[in-house]
C-alpha atoms as a PDB file:
ATOM      1  CA  MET A   1     269.010 -38.804  64.027  1.00  0.00           C
ATOM      2  CA  PRO A   2     268.561 -35.221  64.160  1.00  0.00           C
ATOM      3  CA  ASN A   3     270.409 -33.385  66.942  1.00  0.00           C
ATOM      4  CA  LEU A   4     268.171 -30.415  68.937  1.00  0.00           C
ATOM      5  CA  ALA A   5     268.597 -27.663  66.790  1.00  0.00           C
ATOM      6  CA  THR A   6     267.332 -29.295  63.557  1.00  0.00           C
ATOM      7  CA  LEU A   7     264.307 -31.036  65.652  1.00  0.00           C
ATOM      8  CA  HIS A   8     263.479 -27.531  66.831  1.00  0.00           C
ATOM      9  CA  ASP A   9     263.932 -25.547  63.603  1.00  0.00           C
ATOM     10  CA  GLU A  10     263.017 -28.081  61.220  1.00  0.00           C
ATOM     11  CA  TYR A  11     260.386 -30.063  62.891  1.00  0.00           C
ATOM     12  CA  ALA A  12     258.455 -28.046  66.013  1.00  0.00           C
ATOM     13  CA  LEU A  13     258.614 -25.048  64.739  1.00  0.00           C
ATOM     14  CA  ARG A  14     256.631 -26.121  61.891  1.00  0.00           C
ATOM     15  CA  GLY A  15     254.050 -27.979  63.584  1.00  0.00           C
ATOM     16  CA  ARG A  16     255.543 -31.546  63.328  1.00  0.00           C
ATOM     17  CA  ILE A  17     257.164 -34.209  65.186  1.00  0.00           C
ATOM     18  CA  ASP A  18     259.580 -36.941  63.898  1.00  0.00           C
ATOM     19  CA  GLU A  19     257.650 -39.632  62.588  1.00  0.00           C
ATOM     20  CA  ASP A  20     261.131 -41.609  62.026  1.00  0.00           C
ATOM     21  CA  ALA A  21     262.041 -41.295  65.667  1.00  0.00           C
ATOM     22  CA  PRO A  22     262.050 -44.591  67.346  1.00  0.00           C
ATOM     23  CA  VAL A  23     259.726 -43.743  69.813  1.00  0.00           C
ATOM     24  CA  VAL A  24     256.632 -41.994  68.521  1.00  0.00           C
ATOM     25  CA  SER A  25     253.269 -41.435  70.361  1.00  0.00           C
ATOM     26  CA  ALA A  26     249.985 -39.351  69.564  1.00  0.00           C
ATOM     27  CA  SER A  27     246.843 -39.471  72.429  1.00  0.00           C
ATOM     28  CA  SER A  28     243.947 -36.962  72.805  1.00  0.00           C
ATOM     29  CA  VAL A  29     241.196 -36.549  75.065  1.00  0.00           C
ATOM     30  CA  LEU A  30     237.626 -34.273  74.005  1.00  0.00           C
ATOM     31  CA  ILE A  31     237.313 -31.481  77.415  1.00  0.00           C
ATOM     32  CA  ASP A  32     234.132 -30.047  78.273  1.00  0.00           C
ATOM     33  CA  ALA A  33     235.898 -26.461  77.898  1.00  0.00           C
ATOM     34  CA  SER A  34     236.628 -23.966  75.306  1.00  0.00           C
ATOM     35  CA  PRO A  35     239.849 -23.728  73.859  1.00  0.00           C
ATOM     36  CA  ASP A  36     240.682 -20.169  75.321  1.00  0.00           C
ATOM     37  CA  ARG A  37     240.175 -21.917  79.063  1.00  0.00           C
ATOM     38  CA  THR A  38     241.892 -24.921  78.145  1.00  0.00           C
ATOM     39  CA  TRP A  39     244.762 -22.876  76.757  1.00  0.00           C
ATOM     40  CA  ASP A  40     244.577 -20.704  79.760  1.00  0.00           C
ATOM     41  CA  VAL A  41     245.787 -23.967  81.655  1.00  0.00           C
ATOM     42  CA  LEU A  42     247.779 -25.276  79.441  1.00  0.00           C
ATOM     43  CA  ALA A  43     250.152 -22.059  79.309  1.00  0.00           C
ATOM     44  CA  ASP A  44     250.086 -21.728  83.094  1.00  0.00           C
ATOM     45  CA  LEU A  45     253.287 -24.053  83.362  1.00  0.00           C
ATOM     46  CA  ARG A  46     253.575 -22.974  87.341  1.00  0.00           C
ATOM     47  CA  GLY A  47     250.027 -24.104  87.660  1.00  0.00           C
ATOM     48  CA  TRP A  48     250.950 -27.481  86.228  1.00  0.00           C
ATOM     49  CA  GLU A  49     252.294 -28.892  89.239  1.00  0.00           C
ATOM     50  CA  GLY A  50     248.558 -28.949  91.033  1.00  0.00           C
ATOM     51  CA  TRP A  51     247.198 -31.404  88.220  1.00  0.00           C
ATOM     52  CA  ALA A  52     250.361 -33.027  86.574  1.00  0.00           C
ATOM     53  CA  THR A  53     251.596 -34.998  89.463  1.00  0.00           C
ATOM     54  CA  ASP A  54     254.949 -36.413  87.828  1.00  0.00           C
ATOM     55  CA  PHE A  55     255.810 -32.342  86.784  1.00  0.00           C
ATOM     56  CA  ARG A  56     257.891 -30.063  88.757  1.00  0.00           C
ATOM     57  CA  LEU A  57     258.966 -26.774  87.023  1.00  0.00           C
ATOM     58  CA  ARG A  58     262.235 -25.781  88.022  1.00  0.00           C
ATOM     59  CA  ALA A  59     262.969 -22.769  86.202  1.00  0.00           C
ATOM     60  CA  LEU A  60     260.711 -20.588  83.581  1.00  0.00           C
ATOM     61  CA  ASP A  61     260.937 -17.273  82.586  1.00  0.00           C
ATOM     62  CA  ALA A  62     258.192 -16.833  80.283  1.00  0.00           C
ATOM     63  CA  VAL A  63     256.223 -19.073  77.886  1.00  0.00           C
ATOM     64  CA  GLU A  64     257.220 -17.820  74.512  1.00  0.00           C
ATOM     65  CA  PRO A  65     258.575 -19.016  71.564  1.00  0.00           C
ATOM     66  CA  GLY A  66     262.395 -19.378  71.969  1.00  0.00           C
ATOM     67  CA  ARG A  67     262.425 -19.231  75.484  1.00  0.00           C
ATOM     68  CA  GLU A  68     264.036 -21.970  77.745  1.00  0.00           C
ATOM     69  CA  PHE A  69     262.362 -23.642  80.747  1.00  0.00           C
ATOM     70  CA  ARG A  70     263.847 -26.634  83.183  1.00  0.00           C
ATOM     71  CA  TRP A  71     261.512 -29.182  84.409  1.00  0.00           C
ATOM     72  CA  ALA A  72     261.373 -32.643  86.033  1.00  0.00           C
ATOM     73  CA  GLN A  73     259.208 -35.600  85.227  1.00  0.00           C
ATOM     74  CA  LYS A  74     258.973 -38.195  88.005  1.00  0.00           C
ATOM     75  CA  GLY A  75     262.271 -36.811  89.242  1.00  0.00           C
ATOM     76  CA  VAL A  76     263.916 -36.681  85.664  1.00  0.00           C
ATOM     77  CA  PRO A  77     265.528 -33.105  84.825  1.00  0.00           C
ATOM     78  CA  LEU A  78     264.652 -32.250  81.421  1.00  0.00           C
ATOM     79  CA  ARG A  79     265.643 -28.913  79.638  1.00  0.00           C
ATOM     80  CA  SER A  80     263.285 -27.771  77.091  1.00  0.00           C
ATOM     81  CA  ARG A  81     262.849 -24.734  74.610  1.00  0.00           C
ATOM     82  CA  PHE A  82     259.454 -23.599  73.529  1.00  0.00           C
ATOM     83  CA  ALA A  83     258.806 -23.212  69.887  1.00  0.00           C
ATOM     84  CA  VAL A  84     255.102 -22.511  68.985  1.00  0.00           C
ATOM     85  CA  VAL A  85     253.189 -20.784  71.610  1.00  0.00           C
ATOM     86  CA  ALA A  86     249.682 -20.082  69.540  1.00  0.00           C
ATOM     87  CA  PRO A  87     247.399 -18.920  72.102  1.00  0.00           C
ATOM     88  CA  GLY A  88     244.089 -21.817  71.411  1.00  0.00           C
ATOM     89  CA  ARG A  89     245.507 -23.772  69.109  1.00  0.00           C
ATOM     90  CA  GLU A  90     249.079 -25.028  70.109  1.00  0.00           C
ATOM     91  CA  LEU A  91     251.863 -25.008  72.706  1.00  0.00           C
ATOM     92  CA  SER A  92     255.321 -27.034  71.302  1.00  0.00           C
ATOM     93  CA  TRP A  93     258.540 -27.473  72.825  1.00  0.00           C
ATOM     94  CA  THR A  94     261.987 -29.147  71.958  1.00  0.00           C
ATOM     95  CA  GLY A  95     263.846 -31.054  74.988  1.00  0.00           C
ATOM     96  CA  SER A  96     266.720 -33.215  76.172  1.00  0.00           C
ATOM     97  CA  MET A  97     266.786 -35.440  78.828  1.00  0.00           C
ATOM     98  CA  LEU A  98     270.187 -36.853  80.603  1.00  0.00           C
ATOM     99  CA  GLY A  99     272.253 -34.683  77.845  1.00  0.00           C
ATOM    100  CA  LEU A 100     271.558 -38.350  75.599  1.00  0.00           C
ATOM    101  CA  TYR A 101     267.644 -38.061  74.215  1.00  0.00           C
ATOM    102  CA  ARG A 102     265.697 -35.752  72.362  1.00  0.00           C
ATOM    103  CA  ALA A 103     262.204 -35.197  72.517  1.00  0.00           C
ATOM    104  CA  VAL A 104     259.615 -32.971  70.362  1.00  0.00           C
ATOM    105  CA  ASP A 105     256.338 -32.217  72.244  1.00  0.00           C
ATOM    106  CA  ARG A 106     253.082 -30.906  70.462  1.00  0.00           C
ATOM    107  CA  MET A 107     249.913 -29.923  72.352  1.00  0.00           C
ATOM    108  CA  VAL A 108     247.211 -28.959  69.343  1.00  0.00           C
ATOM    109  CA  LEU A 109     243.873 -28.100  70.643  1.00  0.00           C
ATOM    110  CA  THR A 110     240.814 -27.741  67.805  1.00  0.00           C
ATOM    111  CA  ARG A 111     237.665 -26.798  68.747  1.00  0.00           C
ATOM    112  CA  GLU A 112     234.928 -29.560  68.599  1.00  0.00           C
ATOM    113  CA  ASP A 113     230.917 -29.332  69.218  1.00  0.00           C
ATOM    114  CA  GLY A 114     231.762 -26.612  71.473  1.00  0.00           C
ATOM    115  CA  ARG A 115     234.492 -28.505  73.400  1.00  0.00           C
ATOM    116  CA  THR A 116     238.259 -28.677  72.953  1.00  0.00           C
ATOM    117  CA  ARG A 117     240.108 -31.801  71.981  1.00  0.00           C
ATOM    118  CA  VAL A 118     243.743 -31.561  72.935  1.00  0.00           C
ATOM    119  CA  THR A 119     246.158 -33.967  70.779  1.00  0.00           C
ATOM    120  CA  LEU A 120     249.328 -34.781  72.318  1.00  0.00           C
ATOM    121  CA  GLN A 121     252.053 -35.766  70.061  1.00  0.00           C
ATOM    122  CA  GLU A 122     255.911 -36.603  71.127  1.00  0.00           C
ATOM    123  CA  SER A 123     258.652 -38.300  69.339  1.00  0.00           C
ATOM    124  CA  LEU A 124     261.911 -39.060  71.063  1.00  0.00           C
ATOM    125  CA  ASP A 125     265.418 -40.236  70.320  1.00  0.00           C
ATOM    126  CA  GLY A 126     268.577 -41.406  71.902  1.00  0.00           C
ATOM    127  CA  PRO A 127     270.727 -44.157  72.630  1.00  0.00           C
ATOM    128  CA  LEU A 128     268.899 -47.521  73.389  1.00  0.00           C
ATOM    129  CA  VAL A 129     265.261 -44.976  73.546  1.00  0.00           C
ATOM    130  CA  ARG A 130     262.689 -47.879  73.330  1.00  0.00           C
ATOM    131  CA  LEU A 131     264.689 -50.093  76.070  1.00  0.00           C
ATOM    132  CA  VAL A 132     264.924 -46.901  78.443  1.00  0.00           C
ATOM    133  CA  TYR A 133     261.194 -45.613  77.371  1.00  0.00           C
ATOM    134  CA  GLY A 134     259.385 -47.846  74.694  1.00  0.00           C
ATOM    135  CA  GLU A 135     255.962 -46.379  72.862  1.00  0.00           C
ATOM    136  CA  ASP A 136     253.787 -47.878  75.584  1.00  0.00           C
ATOM    137  CA  LYS A 137     255.323 -46.039  78.492  1.00  0.00           C
ATOM    138  CA  LEU A 138     255.289 -42.793  76.480  1.00  0.00           C
ATOM    139  CA  ARG A 139     251.385 -43.409  75.923  1.00  0.00           C
ATOM    140  CA  ALA A 140     250.690 -44.682  79.211  1.00  0.00           C
ATOM    141  CA  GLY A 141     251.949 -41.202  80.800  1.00  0.00           C
ATOM    142  CA  HIS A 142     250.467 -39.314  77.771  1.00  0.00           C
ATOM    143  CA  GLU A 143     246.573 -40.514  78.471  1.00  0.00           C
ATOM    144  CA  ALA A 144     247.635 -40.251  82.427  1.00  0.00           C
ATOM    145  CA  ARG A 145     248.714 -36.079  81.736  1.00  0.00           C
ATOM    146  CA  LEU A 146     245.644 -35.831  79.369  1.00  0.00           C
ATOM    147  CA  ALA A 147     243.007 -37.314  81.781  1.00  0.00           C
ATOM    148  CA  ALA A 148     244.456 -35.137  84.789  1.00  0.00           C
ATOM    149  CA  LEU A 149     244.064 -31.984  82.517  1.00  0.00           C
ATOM    150  CA  LYS A 150     240.474 -33.071  81.828  1.00  0.00           C
ATOM    151  CA  ASN A 151     239.622 -33.753  85.493  1.00  0.00           C
ATOM    152  CA  HIS A 152     241.479 -30.326  85.889  1.00  0.00           C
ATOM    153  CA  ILE A 153     239.341 -28.235  83.614  1.00  0.00           C
ATOM    154  CA  GLU A 154     235.928 -29.806  83.983  1.00  0.00           C
ATOM    155  CA  SER A 155     236.077 -30.220  87.551  1.00  0.00           C
ATOM    156  CA  ALA A 156     236.723 -25.878  87.816  1.00  0.00           C
ATOM    157  CA  ALA A 157     234.184 -25.172  85.784  1.00  0.00           C
END
């Protein structure tokens, strides 16, 4: 079970999640918008509260590699640090929940027929993680967030 520093340096910064983690999920959505427009929405974490209903930002200095931010998902506090911040291409971070669970999150944008495919990948590790927050629950949360992102961007167009 890699520690958070290893997950950040050896996984997230290298454009990957921990495929060997007990809980791994990947989902994607095709959005009728350019990668630049999609990026503008993703990189505006303060704006997430307007479309990601389970997201609450608690502290954010800047969306830059190495910068930390604190947030809550469904009331659960999380501490995260940005890894890759590549406009129009990728936003990723590592984080911890309750000091016990560690995650790598990646949102990868690819241009597809004039639209943008957003792929959300996550690896999650920690004690009894499959019982606490299994793959089905993680995937359902990802798909809900991606659907909300798509709706937000396309309804604003």
